Amino acid sequence: MYGENVCPNAQGPPGLPAFGTLMVDTGHGDRVGEFRGVAGPYWSLRPVGGGAEWEAEPQRVRPALLMEQLRARTARLNARSRGEVL
């Protein structure tokens, strides 16, 4: 089962994830990011909690499992507590 963190009012075109949905980019080493929109033939993702966006090929992106969502959020919080990110 996939877990999602989406706003119930977030609507997008059919076939696209809702804005803010956590996705896994398998083309970039299973990197987890928030779906931000479409940039040409690519999907824009950004790291959990902020940072520079990157482009991913839609066929190499899938919804993040709940375990992957928790891992990404925990990594972000740990980095913040070490003062590595704001």
PDB file of N, CA and C in Angstrom:
ATOM      1  N   MET A   1       0.840  -1.175   0.000  1.00  0.00           N
ATOM      2  CA  MET A   1       0.000   0.000   0.000  1.00  0.00           C
ATOM      3  C   MET A   1       0.883   1.235   0.000  1.00  0.00           C
ATOM      4  N   TYR A   2       0.506   2.207  -0.809  1.00  0.00           N
ATOM      5  CA  TYR A   2       1.246   3.462  -0.875  1.00  0.00           C
ATOM      6  C   TYR A   2       0.632   4.465   0.078  1.00  0.00           C
ATOM      7  N   GLY A   3       1.475   5.232   0.759  1.00  0.00           N
ATOM      8  CA  GLY A   3       1.001   6.326   1.592  1.00  0.00           C
ATOM      9  C   GLY A   3       1.258   7.625   0.864  1.00  0.00           C
ATOM     10  N   GLU A   4       0.398   8.597   1.047  1.00  0.00           N
ATOM     11  CA  GLU A   4       0.582   9.885   0.384  1.00  0.00           C
ATOM     12  C   GLU A   4       0.394  11.003   1.382  1.00  0.00           C
ATOM     13  N   ASN A   5       1.032  12.112   1.117  1.00  0.00           N
ATOM     14  CA  ASN A   5       0.857  13.310   1.928  1.00  0.00           C
ATOM     15  C   ASN A   5       0.337  14.415   1.035  1.00  0.00           C
ATOM     16  N   VAL A   6      -0.923  14.339   0.682  1.00  0.00           N
ATOM     17  CA  VAL A   6      -1.475  15.298  -0.264  1.00  0.00           C
ATOM     18  C   VAL A   6      -2.571  16.119   0.388  1.00  0.00           C
ATOM     19  N   CYS A   7      -2.719  17.302  -0.103  1.00  0.00           N
ATOM     20  CA  CYS A   7      -3.818  18.166   0.301  1.00  0.00           C
ATOM     21  C   CYS A   7      -5.063  17.679  -0.432  1.00  0.00           C
ATOM     22  N   PRO A   8      -6.188  17.518   0.265  1.00  0.00           N
ATOM     23  CA  PRO A   8      -7.378  16.988  -0.415  1.00  0.00           C
ATOM     24  C   PRO A   8      -7.878  17.872  -1.544  1.00  0.00           C
ATOM     25  N   ASN A   9      -7.538  19.146  -1.553  1.00  0.00           N
ATOM     26  CA  ASN A   9      -7.996  20.048  -2.609  1.00  0.00           C
ATOM     27  C   ASN A   9      -7.018  20.146  -3.766  1.00  0.00           C
ATOM     28  N   ALA A  10      -5.866  19.488  -3.649  1.00  0.00           N
ATOM     29  CA  ALA A  10      -4.849  19.575  -4.704  1.00  0.00           C
ATOM     30  C   ALA A  10      -5.312  18.763  -5.914  1.00  0.00           C
ATOM     31  N   GLN A  11      -5.539  19.444  -7.008  1.00  0.00           N
ATOM     32  CA  GLN A  11      -5.992  18.780  -8.224  1.00  0.00           C
ATOM     33  C   GLN A  11      -4.977  19.012  -9.331  1.00  0.00           C
ATOM     34  N   GLY A  12      -4.774  18.027 -10.152  1.00  0.00           N
ATOM     35  CA  GLY A  12      -3.900  18.151 -11.298  1.00  0.00           C
ATOM     36  C   GLY A  12      -4.519  17.409 -12.459  1.00  0.00           C
ATOM     37  N   PRO A  13      -3.896  17.476 -13.625  1.00  0.00           N
ATOM     38  CA  PRO A  13      -4.418  16.721 -14.765  1.00  0.00           C
ATOM     39  C   PRO A  13      -4.419  15.226 -14.465  1.00  0.00           C
ATOM     40  N   PRO A  14      -5.329  14.477 -15.073  1.00  0.00           N
ATOM     41  CA  PRO A  14      -5.363  13.036 -14.855  1.00  0.00           C
ATOM     42  C   PRO A  14      -4.012  12.399 -15.174  1.00  0.00           C
ATOM     43  N   GLY A  15      -3.587  11.469 -14.356  1.00  0.00           N
ATOM     44  CA  GLY A  15      -2.325  10.778 -14.563  1.00  0.00           C
ATOM     45  C   GLY A  15      -1.149  11.422 -13.864  1.00  0.00           C
ATOM     46  N   LEU A  16      -1.329  12.634 -13.355  1.00  0.00           N
ATOM     47  CA  LEU A  16      -0.250  13.301 -12.623  1.00  0.00           C
ATOM     48  C   LEU A  16      -0.510  13.180 -11.132  1.00  0.00           C
ATOM     49  N   PRO A  17       0.561  13.050 -10.342  1.00  0.00           N
ATOM     50  CA  PRO A  17       0.367  13.048  -8.895  1.00  0.00           C
ATOM     51  C   PRO A  17      -0.070  14.434  -8.431  1.00  0.00           C
ATOM     52  N   ALA A  18      -0.695  14.494  -7.287  1.00  0.00           N
ATOM     53  CA  ALA A  18      -1.089  15.776  -6.705  1.00  0.00           C
ATOM     54  C   ALA A  18       0.165  16.537  -6.274  1.00  0.00           C
ATOM     55  N   PHE A  19       0.089  17.855  -6.345  1.00  0.00           N
ATOM     56  CA  PHE A  19       1.180  18.721  -5.919  1.00  0.00           C
ATOM     57  C   PHE A  19       1.562  18.387  -4.478  1.00  0.00           C
ATOM     58  N   GLY A  20       2.855  18.148  -4.239  1.00  0.00           N
ATOM     59  CA  GLY A  20       3.340  17.843  -2.898  1.00  0.00           C
ATOM     60  C   GLY A  20       3.433  16.364  -2.564  1.00  0.00           C
ATOM     61  N   THR A  21       2.923  15.500  -3.448  1.00  0.00           N
ATOM     62  CA  THR A  21       3.002  14.062  -3.198  1.00  0.00           C
ATOM     63  C   THR A  21       4.456  13.626  -3.170  1.00  0.00           C
ATOM     64  N   LEU A  22       4.811  12.796  -2.202  1.00  0.00           N
ATOM     65  CA  LEU A  22       6.183  12.291  -2.145  1.00  0.00           C
ATOM     66  C   LEU A  22       6.346  11.165  -3.154  1.00  0.00           C
ATOM     67  N   MET A  23       7.395  11.299  -3.973  1.00  0.00           N
ATOM     68  CA  MET A  23       7.676  10.353  -5.044  1.00  0.00           C
ATOM     69  C   MET A  23       9.106   9.857  -4.923  1.00  0.00           C
ATOM     70  N   VAL A  24       9.369   8.685  -5.481  1.00  0.00           N
ATOM     71  CA  VAL A  24      10.712   8.116  -5.525  1.00  0.00           C
ATOM     72  C   VAL A  24      11.203   8.163  -6.964  1.00  0.00           C
ATOM     73  N   ASP A  25      12.353   8.790  -7.164  1.00  0.00           N
ATOM     74  CA  ASP A  25      12.981   8.878  -8.483  1.00  0.00           C
ATOM     75  C   ASP A  25      13.974   7.729  -8.597  1.00  0.00           C
ATOM     76  N   THR A  26      13.571   6.650  -9.267  1.00  0.00           N
ATOM     77  CA  THR A  26      14.437   5.482  -9.392  1.00  0.00           C
ATOM     78  C   THR A  26      15.584   5.723 -10.365  1.00  0.00           C
ATOM     79  N   GLY A  27      15.483   6.763 -11.182  1.00  0.00           N
ATOM     80  CA  GLY A  27      16.551   7.107 -12.112  1.00  0.00           C
ATOM     81  C   GLY A  27      17.701   7.843 -11.451  1.00  0.00           C
ATOM     82  N   HIS A  28      17.488   8.321 -10.218  1.00  0.00           N
ATOM     83  CA  HIS A  28      18.525   9.028  -9.468  1.00  0.00           C
ATOM     84  C   HIS A  28      18.749   8.354  -8.112  1.00  0.00           C
ATOM     85  N   GLY A  29      18.938   7.056  -8.124  1.00  0.00           N
ATOM     86  CA  GLY A  29      19.277   6.325  -6.905  1.00  0.00           C
ATOM     87  C   GLY A  29      18.191   6.293  -5.857  1.00  0.00           C
ATOM     88  N   ASP A  30      16.941   6.147  -6.264  1.00  0.00           N
ATOM     89  CA  ASP A  30      15.803   6.066  -5.340  1.00  0.00           C
ATOM     90  C   ASP A  30      15.693   7.300  -4.447  1.00  0.00           C
ATOM     91  N   ARG A  31      15.971   8.439  -5.015  1.00  0.00           N
ATOM     92  CA  ARG A  31      15.890   9.713  -4.299  1.00  0.00           C
ATOM     93  C   ARG A  31      14.415  10.085  -4.095  1.00  0.00           C
ATOM     94  N   VAL A  32      14.059  10.495  -2.879  1.00  0.00           N
ATOM     95  CA  VAL A  32      12.683  10.863  -2.553  1.00  0.00           C
ATOM     96  C   VAL A  32      12.522  12.371  -2.660  1.00  0.00           C
ATOM     97  N   GLY A  33      11.448  12.798  -3.307  1.00  0.00           N
ATOM     98  CA  GLY A  33      11.178  14.222  -3.440  1.00  0.00           C
ATOM     99  C   GLY A  33       9.696  14.501  -3.561  1.00  0.00           C
ATOM    100  N   GLU A  34       9.342  15.759  -3.344  1.00  0.00           N
ATOM    101  CA  GLU A  34       7.963  16.203  -3.483  1.00  0.00           C
ATOM    102  C   GLU A  34       7.684  16.553  -4.946  1.00  0.00           C
ATOM    103  N   PHE A  35       6.560  16.099  -5.460  1.00  0.00           N
ATOM    104  CA  PHE A  35       6.165  16.445  -6.823  1.00  0.00           C
ATOM    105  C   PHE A  35       5.825  17.926  -6.862  1.00  0.00           C
ATOM    106  N   ARG A  36       6.447  18.663  -7.810  1.00  0.00           N
ATOM    107  CA  ARG A  36       6.248  20.107  -7.921  1.00  0.00           C
ATOM    108  C   ARG A  36       5.563  20.511  -9.219  1.00  0.00           C
ATOM    109  N   GLY A  37       5.530  19.636 -10.197  1.00  0.00           N
ATOM    110  CA  GLY A  37       4.882  19.974 -11.456  1.00  0.00           C
ATOM    111  C   GLY A  37       5.597  19.357 -12.639  1.00  0.00           C
ATOM    112  N   VAL A  38       5.232  19.835 -13.815  1.00  0.00           N
ATOM    113  CA  VAL A  38       5.769  19.309 -15.064  1.00  0.00           C
ATOM    114  C   VAL A  38       6.651  20.366 -15.714  1.00  0.00           C
ATOM    115  N   ALA A  39       7.814  19.943 -16.189  1.00  0.00           N
ATOM    116  CA  ALA A  39       8.754  20.821 -16.893  1.00  0.00           C
ATOM    117  C   ALA A  39       9.088  20.155 -18.219  1.00  0.00           C
ATOM    118  N   GLY A  40       8.312  20.478 -19.251  1.00  0.00           N
ATOM    119  CA  GLY A  40       8.507  19.818 -20.541  1.00  0.00           C
ATOM    120  C   GLY A  40       8.167  18.347 -20.424  1.00  0.00           C
ATOM    121  N   PRO A  41       9.075  17.462 -20.862  1.00  0.00           N
ATOM    122  CA  PRO A  41       8.797  16.027 -20.763  1.00  0.00           C
ATOM    123  C   PRO A  41       9.137  15.451 -19.387  1.00  0.00           C
ATOM    124  N   TYR A  42       9.607  16.274 -18.477  1.00  0.00           N
ATOM    125  CA  TYR A  42      10.056  15.806 -17.164  1.00  0.00           C
ATOM    126  C   TYR A  42       9.121  16.247 -16.057  1.00  0.00           C
ATOM    127  N   TRP A  43       9.222  15.574 -14.914  1.00  0.00           N
ATOM    128  CA  TRP A  43       8.532  15.988 -13.703  1.00  0.00           C
ATOM    129  C   TRP A  43       9.542  16.677 -12.813  1.00  0.00           C
ATOM    130  N   SER A  44       9.134  17.753 -12.175  1.00  0.00           N
ATOM    131  CA  SER A  44       9.997  18.457 -11.233  1.00  0.00           C
ATOM    132  C   SER A  44       9.750  17.923  -9.832  1.00  0.00           C
ATOM    133  N   LEU A  45      10.826  17.561  -9.174  1.00  0.00           N
ATOM    134  CA  LEU A  45      10.775  17.089  -7.790  1.00  0.00           C
ATOM    135  C   LEU A  45      11.723  17.947  -6.972  1.00  0.00           C
ATOM    136  N   ARG A  46      11.444  18.074  -5.684  1.00  0.00           N
ATOM    137  CA  ARG A  46      12.387  18.781  -4.822  1.00  0.00           C
ATOM    138  C   ARG A  46      12.539  17.990  -3.531  1.00  0.00           C
ATOM    139  N   PRO A  47      13.667  18.122  -2.857  1.00  0.00           N
ATOM    140  CA  PRO A  47      13.890  17.378  -1.617  1.00  0.00           C
ATOM    141  C   PRO A  47      12.825  17.690  -0.571  1.00  0.00           C
ATOM    142  N   VAL A  48      12.587  16.741   0.310  1.00  0.00           N
ATOM    143  CA  VAL A  48      11.639  16.929   1.398  1.00  0.00           C
ATOM    144  C   VAL A  48      12.121  18.085   2.264  1.00  0.00           C
ATOM    145  N   GLY A  49      11.262  19.031   2.513  1.00  0.00           N
ATOM    146  CA  GLY A  49      11.616  20.166   3.358  1.00  0.00           C
ATOM    147  C   GLY A  49      12.278  21.311   2.626  1.00  0.00           C
ATOM    148  N   GLY A  50      12.486  21.202   1.337  1.00  0.00           N
ATOM    149  CA  GLY A  50      13.061  22.298   0.566  1.00  0.00           C
ATOM    150  C   GLY A  50      14.386  21.946  -0.067  1.00  0.00           C
ATOM    151  N   GLY A  51      14.863  22.825  -0.882  1.00  0.00           N
ATOM    152  CA  GLY A  51      16.121  22.607  -1.583  1.00  0.00           C
ATOM    153  C   GLY A  51      15.931  22.755  -3.075  1.00  0.00           C
ATOM    154  N   ALA A  52      16.998  22.522  -3.796  1.00  0.00           N
ATOM    155  CA  ALA A  52      16.983  22.679  -5.251  1.00  0.00           C
ATOM    156  C   ALA A  52      16.178  21.558  -5.909  1.00  0.00           C
ATOM    157  N   GLU A  53      15.309  21.959  -6.820  1.00  0.00           N
ATOM    158  CA  GLU A  53      14.519  20.987  -7.565  1.00  0.00           C
ATOM    159  C   GLU A  53      15.389  20.255  -8.575  1.00  0.00           C
ATOM    160  N   TRP A  54      14.931  19.075  -8.967  1.00  0.00           N
ATOM    161  CA  TRP A  54      15.585  18.346 -10.049  1.00  0.00           C
ATOM    162  C   TRP A  54      14.514  17.787 -10.965  1.00  0.00           C
ATOM    163  N   GLU A  55      14.921  17.441 -12.165  1.00  0.00           N
ATOM    164  CA  GLU A  55      13.992  16.894 -13.146  1.00  0.00           C
ATOM    165  C   GLU A  55      14.152  15.387 -13.216  1.00  0.00           C
ATOM    166  N   ALA A  56      13.022  14.713 -13.319  1.00  0.00           N
ATOM    167  CA  ALA A  56      13.018  13.251 -13.364  1.00  0.00           C
ATOM    168  C   ALA A  56      12.165  12.788 -14.535  1.00  0.00           C
ATOM    169  N   GLU A  57      12.550  11.676 -15.117  1.00  0.00           N
ATOM    170  CA  GLU A  57      11.766  11.069 -16.186  1.00  0.00           C
ATOM    171  C   GLU A  57      10.540  10.404 -15.560  1.00  0.00           C
ATOM    172  N   PRO A  58       9.327  10.760 -16.022  1.00  0.00           N
ATOM    173  CA  PRO A  58       8.105  10.231 -15.395  1.00  0.00           C
ATOM    174  C   PRO A  58       8.048   8.708 -15.314  1.00  0.00           C
ATOM    175  N   GLN A  59       8.598   8.013 -16.302  1.00  0.00           N
ATOM    176  CA  GLN A  59       8.545   6.545 -16.279  1.00  0.00           C
ATOM    177  C   GLN A  59       9.471   5.954 -15.217  1.00  0.00           C
ATOM    178  N   ARG A  60      10.350   6.776 -14.627  1.00  0.00           N
ATOM    179  CA  ARG A  60      11.258   6.310 -13.576  1.00  0.00           C
ATOM    180  C   ARG A  60      10.867   6.833 -12.196  1.00  0.00           C
ATOM    181  N   VAL A  61       9.631   7.313 -12.083  1.00  0.00           N
ATOM    182  CA  VAL A  61       9.148   7.867 -10.822  1.00  0.00           C
ATOM    183  C   VAL A  61       7.934   7.071 -10.358  1.00  0.00           C
ATOM    184  N   ARG A  62       7.880   6.812  -9.059  1.00  0.00           N
ATOM    185  CA  ARG A  62       6.743   6.095  -8.472  1.00  0.00           C
ATOM    186  C   ARG A  62       6.398   6.734  -7.125  1.00  0.00           C
ATOM    187  N   PRO A  63       5.164   6.512  -6.641  1.00  0.00           N
ATOM    188  CA  PRO A  63       4.806   7.037  -5.323  1.00  0.00           C
ATOM    189  C   PRO A  63       5.680   6.414  -4.233  1.00  0.00           C
ATOM    190  N   ALA A  64       6.029   7.219  -3.247  1.00  0.00           N
ATOM    191  CA  ALA A  64       6.862   6.734  -2.140  1.00  0.00           C
ATOM    192  C   ALA A  64       6.023   5.885  -1.194  1.00  0.00           C
ATOM    193  N   LEU A  65       6.601   4.785  -0.760  1.00  0.00           N
ATOM    194  CA  LEU A  65       5.978   3.981   0.280  1.00  0.00           C
ATOM    195  C   LEU A  65       6.019   4.764   1.586  1.00  0.00           C
ATOM    196  N   LEU A  66       5.139   4.431   2.506  1.00  0.00           N
ATOM    197  CA  LEU A  66       5.110   5.120   3.790  1.00  0.00           C
ATOM    198  C   LEU A  66       6.477   5.063   4.476  1.00  0.00           C
ATOM    199  N   MET A  67       7.128   3.911   4.415  1.00  0.00           N
ATOM    200  CA  MET A  67       8.457   3.742   5.008  1.00  0.00           C
ATOM    201  C   MET A  67       9.458   4.712   4.376  1.00  0.00           C
ATOM    202  N   GLU A  68       9.391   4.896   3.068  1.00  0.00           N
ATOM    203  CA  GLU A  68      10.294   5.816   2.370  1.00  0.00           C
ATOM    204  C   GLU A  68       9.994   7.270   2.731  1.00  0.00           C
ATOM    205  N   GLN A  69       8.727   7.586   2.913  1.00  0.00           N
ATOM    206  CA  GLN A  69       8.353   8.934   3.328  1.00  0.00           C
ATOM    207  C   GLN A  69       8.922   9.241   4.710  1.00  0.00           C
ATOM    208  N   LEU A  70       8.759   8.313   5.625  1.00  0.00           N
ATOM    209  CA  LEU A  70       9.271   8.513   6.986  1.00  0.00           C
ATOM    210  C   LEU A  70      10.788   8.624   7.002  1.00  0.00           C
ATOM    211  N   ARG A  71      11.459   7.811   6.206  1.00  0.00           N
ATOM    212  CA  ARG A  71      12.920   7.858   6.136  1.00  0.00           C
ATOM    213  C   ARG A  71      13.401   9.211   5.627  1.00  0.00           C
ATOM    214  N   ALA A  72      12.759   9.738   4.600  1.00  0.00           N
ATOM    215  CA  ALA A  72      13.150  11.030   4.033  1.00  0.00           C
ATOM    216  C   ALA A  72      12.917  12.158   5.032  1.00  0.00           C
ATOM    217  N   ARG A  73      11.780  12.129   5.707  1.00  0.00           N
ATOM    218  CA  ARG A  73      11.486  13.181   6.691  1.00  0.00           C
ATOM    219  C   ARG A  73      12.434  13.107   7.881  1.00  0.00           C
ATOM    220  N   THR A  74      12.736  11.899   8.331  1.00  0.00           N
ATOM    221  CA  THR A  74      13.656  11.737   9.459  1.00  0.00           C
ATOM    222  C   THR A  74      15.051  12.207   9.099  1.00  0.00           C
ATOM    223  N   ALA A  75      15.514  11.888   7.899  1.00  0.00           N
ATOM    224  CA  ALA A  75      16.840  12.339   7.449  1.00  0.00           C
ATOM    225  C   ALA A  75      16.901  13.860   7.433  1.00  0.00           C
ATOM    226  N   ARG A  76      15.844  14.497   6.965  1.00  0.00           N
ATOM    227  CA  ARG A  76      15.785  15.969   6.927  1.00  0.00           C
ATOM    228  C   ARG A  76      15.841  16.554   8.339  1.00  0.00           C
ATOM    229  N   LEU A  77      15.071  15.988   9.266  1.00  0.00           N
ATOM    230  CA  LEU A  77      15.065  16.483  10.641  1.00  0.00           C
ATOM    231  C   LEU A  77      16.414  16.274  11.326  1.00  0.00           C
ATOM    232  N   ASN A  78      17.049  15.142  11.057  1.00  0.00           N
ATOM    233  CA  ASN A  78      18.370  14.886  11.643  1.00  0.00           C
ATOM    234  C   ASN A  78      19.403  15.881  11.109  1.00  0.00           C
ATOM    235  N   ALA A  79      19.371  16.153   9.823  1.00  0.00           N
ATOM    236  CA  ALA A  79      20.309  17.124   9.233  1.00  0.00           C
ATOM    237  C   ALA A  79      20.066  18.510   9.821  1.00  0.00           C
ATOM    238  N   ARG A  80      18.812  18.840  10.017  1.00  0.00           N
ATOM    239  CA  ARG A  80      18.487  20.139  10.619  1.00  0.00           C
ATOM    240  C   ARG A  80      18.998  20.240  12.052  1.00  0.00           C
ATOM    241  N   SER A  81      18.869  19.158  12.821  1.00  0.00           N
ATOM    242  CA  SER A  81      19.331  19.198  14.212  1.00  0.00           C
ATOM    243  C   SER A  81      20.855  19.292  14.303  1.00  0.00           C
ATOM    244  N   ARG A  82      21.557  18.823  13.263  1.00  0.00           N
ATOM    245  CA  ARG A  82      23.018  18.941  13.222  1.00  0.00           C
ATOM    246  C   ARG A  82      23.469  20.276  12.680  1.00  0.00           C
ATOM    247  N   GLY A  83      22.523  21.106  12.238  1.00  0.00           N
ATOM    248  CA  GLY A  83      22.835  22.417  11.693  1.00  0.00           C
ATOM    249  C   GLY A  83      23.292  22.401  10.244  1.00  0.00           C
ATOM    250  N   GLU A  84      23.048  21.296   9.550  1.00  0.00           N
ATOM    251  CA  GLU A  84      23.458  21.176   8.160  1.00  0.00           C
ATOM    252  C   GLU A  84      22.501  21.878   7.204  1.00  0.00           C
ATOM    253  N   VAL A  85      21.253  22.012   7.605  1.00  0.00           N
ATOM    254  CA  VAL A  85      20.242  22.714   6.798  1.00  0.00           C
ATOM    255  C   VAL A  85      19.418  23.590   7.712  1.00  0.00           C
ATOM    256  N   LEU A  86      18.735  24.559   7.121  1.00  0.00           N
ATOM    257  CA  LEU A  86      17.874  25.447   7.915  1.00  0.00           C
ATOM    258  C   LEU A  86      16.512  24.862   8.119  1.00  0.00           C
TER     259      LEU A  86
END
